[in-house]
């Protein structure tokens, strides 16, 4: 089963609100086994455009676990704080699983 990745981009306009969000959301992240892999305020956009100023990548054991985290009561309690403090984009992506080679 491939891992699940939550990728967020944020443009923060209320740093105090984001600090409150981080305090509240941290417990839900741990509860569902989320592991923050990257937080970058200055990504190197080499093609096209990228929304937001900050990019965050969080790894979960599966897409289903990432979805459970996002929909959980504990995260939903924190979510309005983030939405009020920043303009965000959020996706859940499935990790790559190589296909088995076909005999030729």
PDB file of N, CA and C in Angstrom:
ATOM      1  N   UNK A   1       0.853  -1.176   0.000  1.00  0.00           N
ATOM      2  CA  UNK A   1       0.000   0.000   0.000  1.00  0.00           C
ATOM      3  C   UNK A   1       0.899   1.239   0.000  1.00  0.00           C
ATOM      4  N   UNK A   2       0.713   2.132  -0.968  1.00  0.00           N
ATOM      5  CA  UNK A   2       1.566   3.329  -1.032  1.00  0.00           C
ATOM      6  C   UNK A   2       1.259   4.301   0.107  1.00  0.00           C
ATOM      7  N   UNK A   3       2.257   5.070   0.443  1.00  0.00           N
ATOM      8  CA  UNK A   3       2.092   6.106   1.459  1.00  0.00           C
ATOM      9  C   UNK A   3       1.197   7.205   0.918  1.00  0.00           C
ATOM     10  N   UNK A   4       0.664   8.000   1.832  1.00  0.00           N
ATOM     11  CA  UNK A   4      -0.144   9.158   1.464  1.00  0.00           C
ATOM     12  C   UNK A   4       0.595  10.420   1.843  1.00  0.00           C
ATOM     13  N   UNK A   5       0.521  11.434   0.998  1.00  0.00           N
ATOM     14  CA  UNK A   5       1.207  12.701   1.234  1.00  0.00           C
ATOM     15  C   UNK A   5       0.209  13.840   1.180  1.00  0.00           C
ATOM     16  N   UNK A   6       0.199  14.645   2.233  1.00  0.00           N
ATOM     17  CA  UNK A   6      -0.592  15.866   2.248  1.00  0.00           C
ATOM     18  C   UNK A   6       0.369  16.978   1.869  1.00  0.00           C
ATOM     19  N   UNK A   7       0.007  17.734   0.844  1.00  0.00           N
ATOM     20  CA  UNK A   7       0.837  18.847   0.389  1.00  0.00           C
ATOM     21  C   UNK A   7      -0.005  20.106   0.497  1.00  0.00           C
ATOM     22  N   UNK A   8       0.514  21.071   1.263  1.00  0.00           N
ATOM     23  CA  UNK A   8      -0.177  22.337   1.476  1.00  0.00           C
ATOM     24  C   UNK A   8       0.676  23.470   0.960  1.00  0.00           C
ATOM     25  N   UNK A   9       0.030  24.468   0.386  1.00  0.00           N
ATOM     26  CA  UNK A   9       0.706  25.734   0.117  1.00  0.00           C
ATOM     27  C   UNK A   9      -0.076  26.801   0.865  1.00  0.00           C
ATOM     28  N   UNK A  10       0.658  27.738   1.451  1.00  0.00           N
ATOM     29  CA  UNK A  10       0.029  28.760   2.278  1.00  0.00           C
ATOM     30  C   UNK A  10       0.617  30.134   1.986  1.00  0.00           C
ATOM     31  N   UNK A  11      -0.234  31.124   2.013  1.00  0.00           N
ATOM     32  CA  UNK A  11       0.188  32.515   2.083  1.00  0.00           C
ATOM     33  C   UNK A  11      -0.436  33.033   3.377  1.00  0.00           C
ATOM     34  N   UNK A  12       0.403  33.207   4.373  1.00  0.00           N
ATOM     35  CA  UNK A  12      -0.062  33.559   5.714  1.00  0.00           C
ATOM     36  C   UNK A  12      -0.245  35.063   5.827  1.00  0.00           C
ATOM     37  N   UNK A  13      -1.419  35.471   6.326  1.00  0.00           N
ATOM     38  CA  UNK A  13      -1.661  36.897   6.565  1.00  0.00           C
ATOM     39  C   UNK A  13      -1.943  37.186   8.032  1.00  0.00           C
ATOM     40  N   UNK A  14      -1.969  36.151   8.886  1.00  0.00           N
ATOM     41  CA  UNK A  14      -2.165  36.310  10.330  1.00  0.00           C
ATOM     42  C   UNK A  14      -1.245  35.335  11.063  1.00  0.00           C
ATOM     43  N   UNK A  15       0.015  35.731  11.321  1.00  0.00           N
ATOM     44  CA  UNK A  15       0.967  34.829  11.988  1.00  0.00           C
ATOM     45  C   UNK A  15       0.490  34.337  13.359  1.00  0.00           C
ATOM     46  N   UNK A  16      -0.169  35.171  14.133  1.00  0.00           N
ATOM     47  CA  UNK A  16      -0.664  34.739  15.443  1.00  0.00           C
ATOM     48  C   UNK A  16      -1.744  33.665  15.282  1.00  0.00           C
ATOM     49  N   UNK A  17      -2.608  33.829  14.294  1.00  0.00           N
ATOM     50  CA  UNK A  17      -3.628  32.824  14.016  1.00  0.00           C
ATOM     51  C   UNK A  17      -3.014  31.504  13.579  1.00  0.00           C
ATOM     52  N   UNK A  18      -1.952  31.568  12.786  1.00  0.00           N
ATOM     53  CA  UNK A  18      -1.272  30.341  12.357  1.00  0.00           C
ATOM     54  C   UNK A  18      -0.580  29.661  13.533  1.00  0.00           C
ATOM     55  N   UNK A  19      -0.054  30.431  14.469  1.00  0.00           N
ATOM     56  CA  UNK A  19       0.567  29.843  15.660  1.00  0.00           C
ATOM     57  C   UNK A  19      -0.491  29.096  16.480  1.00  0.00           C
ATOM     58  N   UNK A  20      -1.673  29.667  16.603  1.00  0.00           N
ATOM     59  CA  UNK A  20      -2.766  28.993  17.312  1.00  0.00           C
ATOM     60  C   UNK A  20      -3.169  27.713  16.580  1.00  0.00           C
ATOM     61  N   UNK A  21      -3.225  27.784  15.266  1.00  0.00           N
ATOM     62  CA  UNK A  21      -3.547  26.598  14.452  1.00  0.00           C
ATOM     63  C   UNK A  21      -2.515  25.495  14.674  1.00  0.00           C
ATOM     64  N   UNK A  22      -1.220  25.842  14.633  1.00  0.00           N
ATOM     65  CA  UNK A  22      -0.171  24.834  14.816  1.00  0.00           C
ATOM     66  C   UNK A  22      -0.285  24.155  16.177  1.00  0.00           C
ATOM     67  N   UNK A  23      -0.573  24.934  17.217  1.00  0.00           N
ATOM     68  CA  UNK A  23      -0.722  24.347  18.555  1.00  0.00           C
ATOM     69  C   UNK A  23      -1.875  23.351  18.588  1.00  0.00           C
ATOM     70  N   UNK A  24      -2.978  23.696  17.979  1.00  0.00           N
ATOM     71  CA  UNK A  24      -4.163  22.840  18.010  1.00  0.00           C
ATOM     72  C   UNK A  24      -4.052  21.649  17.055  1.00  0.00           C
ATOM     73  N   UNK A  25      -3.450  21.863  15.892  1.00  0.00           N
ATOM     74  CA  UNK A  25      -3.393  20.784  14.895  1.00  0.00           C
ATOM     75  C   UNK A  25      -2.297  19.762  15.178  1.00  0.00           C
ATOM     76  N   UNK A  26      -1.299  20.123  15.950  1.00  0.00           N
ATOM     77  CA  UNK A  26      -0.179  19.214  16.209  1.00  0.00           C
ATOM     78  C   UNK A  26      -0.604  17.890  16.821  1.00  0.00           C
ATOM     79  N   UNK A  27      -1.548  17.926  17.746  1.00  0.00           N
ATOM     80  CA  UNK A  27      -2.011  16.693  18.384  1.00  0.00           C
ATOM     81  C   UNK A  27      -2.682  15.768  17.379  1.00  0.00           C
ATOM     82  N   UNK A  28      -3.473  16.334  16.466  1.00  0.00           N
ATOM     83  CA  UNK A  28      -4.143  15.481  15.483  1.00  0.00           C
ATOM     84  C   UNK A  28      -3.138  14.877  14.509  1.00  0.00           C
ATOM     85  N   UNK A  29      -2.116  15.630  14.182  1.00  0.00           N
ATOM     86  CA  UNK A  29      -1.060  15.121  13.302  1.00  0.00           C
ATOM     87  C   UNK A  29      -0.419  13.877  13.918  1.00  0.00           C
ATOM     88  N   UNK A  30      -0.057  13.974  15.202  1.00  0.00           N
ATOM     89  CA  UNK A  30       0.561  12.844  15.895  1.00  0.00           C
ATOM     90  C   UNK A  30      -0.410  11.680  16.047  1.00  0.00           C
ATOM     91  N   UNK A  31      -1.667  11.990  16.331  1.00  0.00           N
ATOM     92  CA  UNK A  31      -2.691  10.968  16.533  1.00  0.00           C
ATOM     93  C   UNK A  31      -2.838  10.057  15.314  1.00  0.00           C
ATOM     94  N   UNK A  32      -2.667  10.615  14.109  1.00  0.00           N
ATOM     95  CA  UNK A  32      -2.841   9.838  12.879  1.00  0.00           C
ATOM     96  C   UNK A  32      -1.516   9.433  12.243  1.00  0.00           C
ATOM     97  N   UNK A  33      -0.420   9.646  12.952  1.00  0.00           N
ATOM     98  CA  UNK A  33       0.885   9.187  12.476  1.00  0.00           C
ATOM     99  C   UNK A  33       1.506  10.056  11.400  1.00  0.00           C
ATOM    100  N   UNK A  34       1.079  11.306  11.305  1.00  0.00           N
ATOM    101  CA  UNK A  34       1.658  12.205  10.313  1.00  0.00           C
ATOM    102  C   UNK A  34       3.096  12.562  10.649  1.00  0.00           C
ATOM    103  N   UNK A  35       3.906  12.653   9.621  1.00  0.00           N
ATOM    104  CA  UNK A  35       5.317  13.022   9.794  1.00  0.00           C
ATOM    105  C   UNK A  35       5.626  14.143   8.814  1.00  0.00           C
ATOM    106  N   UNK A  36       6.006  15.296   9.349  1.00  0.00           N
ATOM    107  CA  UNK A  36       6.305  16.444   8.500  1.00  0.00           C
ATOM    108  C   UNK A  36       7.655  16.197   7.823  1.00  0.00           C
ATOM    109  N   UNK A  37       7.649  16.186   6.497  1.00  0.00           N
ATOM    110  CA  UNK A  37       8.868  15.952   5.726  1.00  0.00           C
ATOM    111  C   UNK A  37       9.525  17.238   5.264  1.00  0.00           C
ATOM    112  N   UNK A  38       8.719  18.272   5.013  1.00  0.00           N
ATOM    113  CA  UNK A  38       9.274  19.528   4.504  1.00  0.00           C
ATOM    114  C   UNK A  38       8.393  20.693   4.895  1.00  0.00           C
ATOM    115  N   UNK A  39       9.044  21.789   5.259  1.00  0.00           N
ATOM    116  CA  UNK A  39       8.396  23.088   5.438  1.00  0.00           C
ATOM    117  C   UNK A  39       9.352  24.086   4.799  1.00  0.00           C
ATOM    118  N   UNK A  40       8.910  24.751   3.750  1.00  0.00           N
ATOM    119  CA  UNK A  40       9.808  25.636   3.003  1.00  0.00           C
ATOM    120  C   UNK A  40       9.097  26.940   2.677  1.00  0.00           C
ATOM    121  N   UNK A  41       9.689  28.047   3.111  1.00  0.00           N
ATOM    122  CA  UNK A  41       9.131  29.370   2.825  1.00  0.00           C
ATOM    123  C   UNK A  41       9.679  29.968   1.541  1.00  0.00           C
ATOM    124  N   UNK A  42      10.528  29.239   0.855  1.00  0.00           N
ATOM    125  CA  UNK A  42      11.158  29.784  -0.348  1.00  0.00           C
ATOM    126  C   UNK A  42      11.462  28.646  -1.331  1.00  0.00           C
ATOM    127  N   UNK A  43      10.407  27.987  -1.835  1.00  0.00           N
ATOM    128  CA  UNK A  43      10.638  26.891  -2.780  1.00  0.00           C
ATOM    129  C   UNK A  43      11.236  27.439  -4.070  1.00  0.00           C
ATOM    130  N   UNK A  44      12.001  26.625  -4.734  1.00  0.00           N
ATOM    131  CA  UNK A  44      12.639  26.982  -5.997  1.00  0.00           C
ATOM    132  C   UNK A  44      11.701  26.574  -7.133  1.00  0.00           C
ATOM    133  N   UNK A  45      10.908  27.503  -7.602  1.00  0.00           N
ATOM    134  CA  UNK A  45       9.965  27.234  -8.696  1.00  0.00           C
ATOM    135  C   UNK A  45      10.755  27.307  -9.995  1.00  0.00           C
ATOM    136  N   UNK A  46      10.949  26.159 -10.627  1.00  0.00           N
ATOM    137  CA  UNK A  46      11.769  26.128 -11.839  1.00  0.00           C
ATOM    138  C   UNK A  46      10.946  26.088 -13.122  1.00  0.00           C
ATOM    139  N   UNK A  47       9.646  25.817 -12.997  1.00  0.00           N
ATOM    140  CA  UNK A  47       8.741  25.888 -14.151  1.00  0.00           C
ATOM    141  C   UNK A  47       7.372  26.288 -13.657  1.00  0.00           C
ATOM    142  N   UNK A  48       6.671  27.059 -14.461  1.00  0.00           N
ATOM    143  CA  UNK A  48       5.298  27.428 -14.138  1.00  0.00           C
ATOM    144  C   UNK A  48       5.199  28.329 -12.923  1.00  0.00           C
ATOM    145  N   UNK A  49       4.062  28.263 -12.255  1.00  0.00           N
ATOM    146  CA  UNK A  49       3.842  29.072 -11.061  1.00  0.00           C
ATOM    147  C   UNK A  49       3.459  28.146  -9.915  1.00  0.00           C
ATOM    148  N   UNK A  50       3.652  28.617  -8.706  1.00  0.00           N
ATOM    149  CA  UNK A  50       3.364  27.821  -7.522  1.00  0.00           C
ATOM    150  C   UNK A  50       2.525  28.673  -6.583  1.00  0.00           C
ATOM    151  N   UNK A  51       1.391  28.161  -6.122  1.00  0.00           N
ATOM    152  CA  UNK A  51       0.547  28.971  -5.240  1.00  0.00           C
ATOM    153  C   UNK A  51       1.145  29.050  -3.838  1.00  0.00           C
ATOM    154  N   UNK A  52       0.990  30.168  -3.217  1.00  0.00           N
ATOM    155  CA  UNK A  52       1.413  30.302  -1.831  1.00  0.00           C
ATOM    156  C   UNK A  52       2.887  30.590  -1.662  1.00  0.00           C
ATOM    157  N   UNK A  53       3.248  30.944  -0.452  1.00  0.00           N
ATOM    158  CA  UNK A  53       4.644  31.238  -0.119  1.00  0.00           C
ATOM    159  C   UNK A  53       5.285  30.094   0.636  1.00  0.00           C
ATOM    160  N   UNK A  54       4.528  29.412   1.481  1.00  0.00           N
ATOM    161  CA  UNK A  54       5.066  28.299   2.268  1.00  0.00           C
ATOM    162  C   UNK A  54       4.506  27.003   1.706  1.00  0.00           C
ATOM    163  N   UNK A  55       5.369  25.998   1.623  1.00  0.00           N
ATOM    164  CA  UNK A  55       4.960  24.670   1.182  1.00  0.00           C
ATOM    165  C   UNK A  55       5.268  23.678   2.294  1.00  0.00           C
ATOM    166  N   UNK A  56       4.305  22.815   2.596  1.00  0.00           N
ATOM    167  CA  UNK A  56       4.462  21.798   3.635  1.00  0.00           C
ATOM    168  C   UNK A  56       4.129  20.446   3.027  1.00  0.00           C
ATOM    169  N   UNK A  57       4.942  19.437   3.353  1.00  0.00           N
ATOM    170  CA  UNK A  57       4.686  18.069   2.914  1.00  0.00           C
ATOM    171  C   UNK A  57       4.631  17.191   4.164  1.00  0.00           C
ATOM    172  N   UNK A  58       3.513  16.473   4.330  1.00  0.00           N
ATOM    173  CA  UNK A  58       3.308  15.583   5.477  1.00  0.00           C
ATOM    174  C   UNK A  58       3.077  14.170   4.954  1.00  0.00           C
ATOM    175  N   UNK A  59       3.780  13.209   5.529  1.00  0.00           N
ATOM    176  CA  UNK A  59       3.671  11.810   5.103  1.00  0.00           C
ATOM    177  C   UNK A  59       2.808  11.016   6.081  1.00  0.00           C
ATOM    178  N   UNK A  60       1.948  10.167   5.527  1.00  0.00           N
ATOM    179  CA  UNK A  60       1.134   9.230   6.309  1.00  0.00           C
ATOM    180  C   UNK A  60       1.380   7.827   5.771  1.00  0.00           C
ATOM    181  N   UNK A  61       1.036   6.833   6.551  1.00  0.00           N
ATOM    182  CA  UNK A  61       1.288   5.447   6.126  1.00  0.00           C
ATOM    183  C   UNK A  61       0.474   5.068   4.899  1.00  0.00           C
ATOM    184  N   UNK A  62      -0.617   5.793   4.626  1.00  0.00           N
ATOM    185  CA  UNK A  62      -1.448   5.513   3.449  1.00  0.00           C
ATOM    186  C   UNK A  62      -2.300   6.741   3.124  1.00  0.00           C
ATOM    187  N   UNK A  63      -2.858   6.741   1.930  1.00  0.00           N
ATOM    188  CA  UNK A  63      -3.793   7.796   1.542  1.00  0.00           C
ATOM    189  C   UNK A  63      -5.004   7.772   2.480  1.00  0.00           C
ATOM    190  N   UNK A  64      -5.468   6.579   2.817  1.00  0.00           N
ATOM    191  CA  UNK A  64      -6.621   6.457   3.697  1.00  0.00           C
ATOM    192  C   UNK A  64      -6.349   7.098   5.059  1.00  0.00           C
ATOM    193  N   UNK A  65      -5.130   6.902   5.592  1.00  0.00           N
ATOM    194  CA  UNK A  65      -4.778   7.491   6.887  1.00  0.00           C
ATOM    195  C   UNK A  65      -4.721   9.018   6.778  1.00  0.00           C
ATOM    196  N   UNK A  66      -4.216   9.535   5.668  1.00  0.00           N
ATOM    197  CA  UNK A  66      -4.184  10.982   5.458  1.00  0.00           C
ATOM    198  C   UNK A  66      -5.606  11.537   5.391  1.00  0.00           C
ATOM    199  N   UNK A  67      -6.486  10.824   4.706  1.00  0.00           N
ATOM    200  CA  UNK A  67      -7.886  11.254   4.614  1.00  0.00           C
ATOM    201  C   UNK A  67      -8.566  11.201   5.974  1.00  0.00           C
ATOM    202  N   UNK A  68      -8.295  10.152   6.754  1.00  0.00           N
ATOM    203  CA  UNK A  68      -8.852  10.044   8.103  1.00  0.00           C
ATOM    204  C   UNK A  68      -8.398  11.224   8.961  1.00  0.00           C
ATOM    205  N   UNK A  69      -7.113  11.573   8.866  1.00  0.00           N
ATOM    206  CA  UNK A  69      -6.596  12.711   9.626  1.00  0.00           C
ATOM    207  C   UNK A  69      -7.342  13.986   9.237  1.00  0.00           C
ATOM    208  N   UNK A  70      -7.425  14.252   7.933  1.00  0.00           N
ATOM    209  CA  UNK A  70      -8.042  15.500   7.483  1.00  0.00           C
ATOM    210  C   UNK A  70      -9.505  15.593   7.932  1.00  0.00           C
ATOM    211  N   UNK A  71     -10.210  14.487   7.906  1.00  0.00           N
ATOM    212  CA  UNK A  71     -11.641  14.484   8.241  1.00  0.00           C
ATOM    213  C   UNK A  71     -11.909  14.299   9.742  1.00  0.00           C
ATOM    214  N   UNK A  72     -10.859  14.050  10.521  1.00  0.00           N
ATOM    215  CA  UNK A  72     -11.031  13.775  11.954  1.00  0.00           C
ATOM    216  C   UNK A  72     -11.601  14.984  12.698  1.00  0.00           C
ATOM    217  N   UNK A  73     -12.320  14.715  13.779  1.00  0.00           N
ATOM    218  CA  UNK A  73     -12.875  15.791  14.608  1.00  0.00           C
ATOM    219  C   UNK A  73     -11.758  16.664  15.166  1.00  0.00           C
ATOM    220  N   UNK A  74     -10.630  16.051  15.534  1.00  0.00           N
ATOM    221  CA  UNK A  74      -9.539  16.837  16.113  1.00  0.00           C
ATOM    222  C   UNK A  74      -8.939  17.800  15.093  1.00  0.00           C
ATOM    223  N   UNK A  75      -8.793  17.379  13.840  1.00  0.00           N
ATOM    224  CA  UNK A  75      -8.259  18.305  12.843  1.00  0.00           C
ATOM    225  C   UNK A  75      -9.319  19.312  12.405  1.00  0.00           C
ATOM    226  N   UNK A  76     -10.542  18.882  12.273  1.00  0.00           N
ATOM    227  CA  UNK A  76     -11.608  19.797  11.866  1.00  0.00           C
ATOM    228  C   UNK A  76     -11.786  20.939  12.877  1.00  0.00           C
ATOM    229  N   UNK A  77     -11.429  20.687  14.145  1.00  0.00           N
ATOM    230  CA  UNK A  77     -11.478  21.752  15.155  1.00  0.00           C
ATOM    231  C   UNK A  77     -10.410  22.810  14.891  1.00  0.00           C
ATOM    232  N   UNK A  78      -9.272  22.396  14.333  1.00  0.00           N
ATOM    233  CA  UNK A  78      -8.161  23.322  14.057  1.00  0.00           C
ATOM    234  C   UNK A  78      -8.304  24.008  12.702  1.00  0.00           C
ATOM    235  N   UNK A  79      -8.916  23.355  11.762  1.00  0.00           N
ATOM    236  CA  UNK A  79      -8.993  23.819  10.376  1.00  0.00           C
ATOM    237  C   UNK A  79      -9.484  25.262  10.208  1.00  0.00           C
ATOM    238  N   UNK A  80     -10.529  25.696  10.894  1.00  0.00           N
ATOM    239  CA  UNK A  80     -10.983  27.085  10.708  1.00  0.00           C
ATOM    240  C   UNK A  80      -9.920  28.121  11.089  1.00  0.00           C
ATOM    241  N   UNK A  81      -9.047  27.783  12.021  1.00  0.00           N
ATOM    242  CA  UNK A  81      -7.967  28.709  12.391  1.00  0.00           C
ATOM    243  C   UNK A  81      -7.022  28.925  11.219  1.00  0.00           C
ATOM    244  N   UNK A  82      -6.660  27.824  10.531  1.00  0.00           N
ATOM    245  CA  UNK A  82      -5.776  27.943   9.361  1.00  0.00           C
ATOM    246  C   UNK A  82      -6.459  28.702   8.243  1.00  0.00           C
ATOM    247  N   UNK A  83      -7.711  28.371   7.997  1.00  0.00           N
ATOM    248  CA  UNK A  83      -8.429  29.012   6.901  1.00  0.00           C
ATOM    249  C   UNK A  83      -8.621  30.509   7.139  1.00  0.00           C
ATOM    250  N   UNK A  84      -8.721  30.923   8.404  1.00  0.00           N
ATOM    251  CA  UNK A  84      -8.848  32.346   8.716  1.00  0.00           C
ATOM    252  C   UNK A  84      -7.506  33.072   8.662  1.00  0.00           C
ATOM    253  N   UNK A  85      -6.415  32.343   8.876  1.00  0.00           N
ATOM    254  CA  UNK A  85      -5.095  32.968   8.985  1.00  0.00           C
ATOM    255  C   UNK A  85      -4.283  32.947   7.696  1.00  0.00           C
ATOM    256  N   UNK A  86      -4.712  32.155   6.704  1.00  0.00           N
ATOM    257  CA  UNK A  86      -3.899  32.004   5.499  1.00  0.00           C
ATOM    258  C   UNK A  86      -4.769  31.616   4.315  1.00  0.00           C
ATOM    259  N   UNK A  87      -4.279  31.939   3.124  1.00  0.00           N
ATOM    260  CA  UNK A  87      -4.868  31.438   1.889  1.00  0.00           C
ATOM    261  C   UNK A  87      -4.128  30.151   1.574  1.00  0.00           C
ATOM    262  N   UNK A  88      -4.853  29.053   1.428  1.00  0.00           N
ATOM    263  CA  UNK A  88      -4.212  27.739   1.326  1.00  0.00           C
ATOM    264  C   UNK A  88      -4.735  26.921   0.156  1.00  0.00           C
ATOM    265  N   UNK A  89      -3.898  26.001  -0.266  1.00  0.00           N
ATOM    266  CA  UNK A  89      -4.261  24.941  -1.192  1.00  0.00           C
ATOM    267  C   UNK A  89      -3.797  23.649  -0.527  1.00  0.00           C
ATOM    268  N   UNK A  90      -4.617  22.601  -0.600  1.00  0.00           N
ATOM    269  CA  UNK A  90      -4.278  21.336   0.048  1.00  0.00           C
ATOM    270  C   UNK A  90      -4.645  20.198  -0.889  1.00  0.00           C
ATOM    271  N   UNK A  91      -3.716  19.248  -1.025  1.00  0.00           N
ATOM    272  CA  UNK A  91      -4.011  18.026  -1.770  1.00  0.00           C
ATOM    273  C   UNK A  91      -3.531  16.827  -0.966  1.00  0.00           C
ATOM    274  N   UNK A  92      -4.087  15.668  -1.286  1.00  0.00           N
ATOM    275  CA  UNK A  92      -3.577  14.399  -0.787  1.00  0.00           C
ATOM    276  C   UNK A  92      -3.152  13.613  -2.013  1.00  0.00           C
ATOM    277  N   UNK A  93      -1.890  13.188  -2.016  1.00  0.00           N
ATOM    278  CA  UNK A  93      -1.340  12.446  -3.153  1.00  0.00           C
ATOM    279  C   UNK A  93      -0.884  11.067  -2.698  1.00  0.00           C
ATOM    280  N   UNK A  94      -1.004  10.123  -3.592  1.00  0.00           N
ATOM    281  CA  UNK A  94      -0.557   8.762  -3.333  1.00  0.00           C
ATOM    282  C   UNK A  94       0.919   8.618  -3.679  1.00  0.00           C
ATOM    283  N   UNK A  95       1.656   7.935  -2.816  1.00  0.00           N
ATOM    284  CA  UNK A  95       3.070   7.674  -3.087  1.00  0.00           C
ATOM    285  C   UNK A  95       3.235   6.776  -4.299  1.00  0.00           C
ATOM    286  N   UNK A  96       4.407   6.805  -4.858  1.00  0.00           N
ATOM    287  CA  UNK A  96       4.703   6.048  -6.072  1.00  0.00           C
ATOM    288  C   UNK A  96       4.990   4.591  -5.739  1.00  0.00           C
ATOM    289  N   UNK A  97       4.337   3.703  -6.473  1.00  0.00           N
ATOM    290  CA  UNK A  97       4.612   2.280  -6.369  1.00  0.00           C
ATOM    291  C   UNK A  97       4.983   1.792  -7.759  1.00  0.00           C
ATOM    292  N   UNK A  98       6.243   1.365  -7.941  1.00  0.00           N
ATOM    293  CA  UNK A  98       6.651   0.910  -9.273  1.00  0.00           C
ATOM    294  C   UNK A  98       5.820  -0.281  -9.733  1.00  0.00           C
ATOM    295  N   UNK A  99       5.491  -0.289 -10.992  1.00  0.00           N
ATOM    296  CA  UNK A  99       4.765  -1.420 -11.572  1.00  0.00           C
ATOM    297  C   UNK A  99       5.742  -2.565 -11.789  1.00  0.00           C
ATOM    298  N   UNK A 100       5.223  -3.760 -11.643  1.00  0.00           N
ATOM    299  CA  UNK A 100       6.051  -4.942 -11.893  1.00  0.00           C
ATOM    300  C   UNK A 100       6.366  -4.998 -13.383  1.00  0.00           C
ATOM    301  N   UNK A 101       7.579  -5.378 -13.685  1.00  0.00           N
ATOM    302  CA  UNK A 101       7.994  -5.505 -15.088  1.00  0.00           C
ATOM    303  C   UNK A 101       7.187  -6.625 -15.753  1.00  0.00           C
ATOM    304  N   UNK A 102       6.756  -6.366 -16.959  1.00  0.00           N
ATOM    305  CA  UNK A 102       6.014  -7.394 -17.685  1.00  0.00           C
ATOM    306  C   UNK A 102       7.017  -8.208 -18.509  1.00  0.00           C
ATOM    307  N   UNK A 103       6.836  -9.510 -18.489  1.00  0.00           N
ATOM    308  CA  UNK A 103       7.758 -10.350 -19.270  1.00  0.00           C
ATOM    309  C   UNK A 103       7.656 -10.043 -20.760  1.00  0.00           C
ATOM    310  N   UNK A 104       8.773  -9.965 -21.408  1.00  0.00           N
ATOM    311  CA  UNK A 104       8.736  -9.588 -22.801  1.00  0.00           C
ATOM    312  C   UNK A 104       9.209 -10.566 -23.680  1.00  0.00           C
TER     313      UNK A 104
END
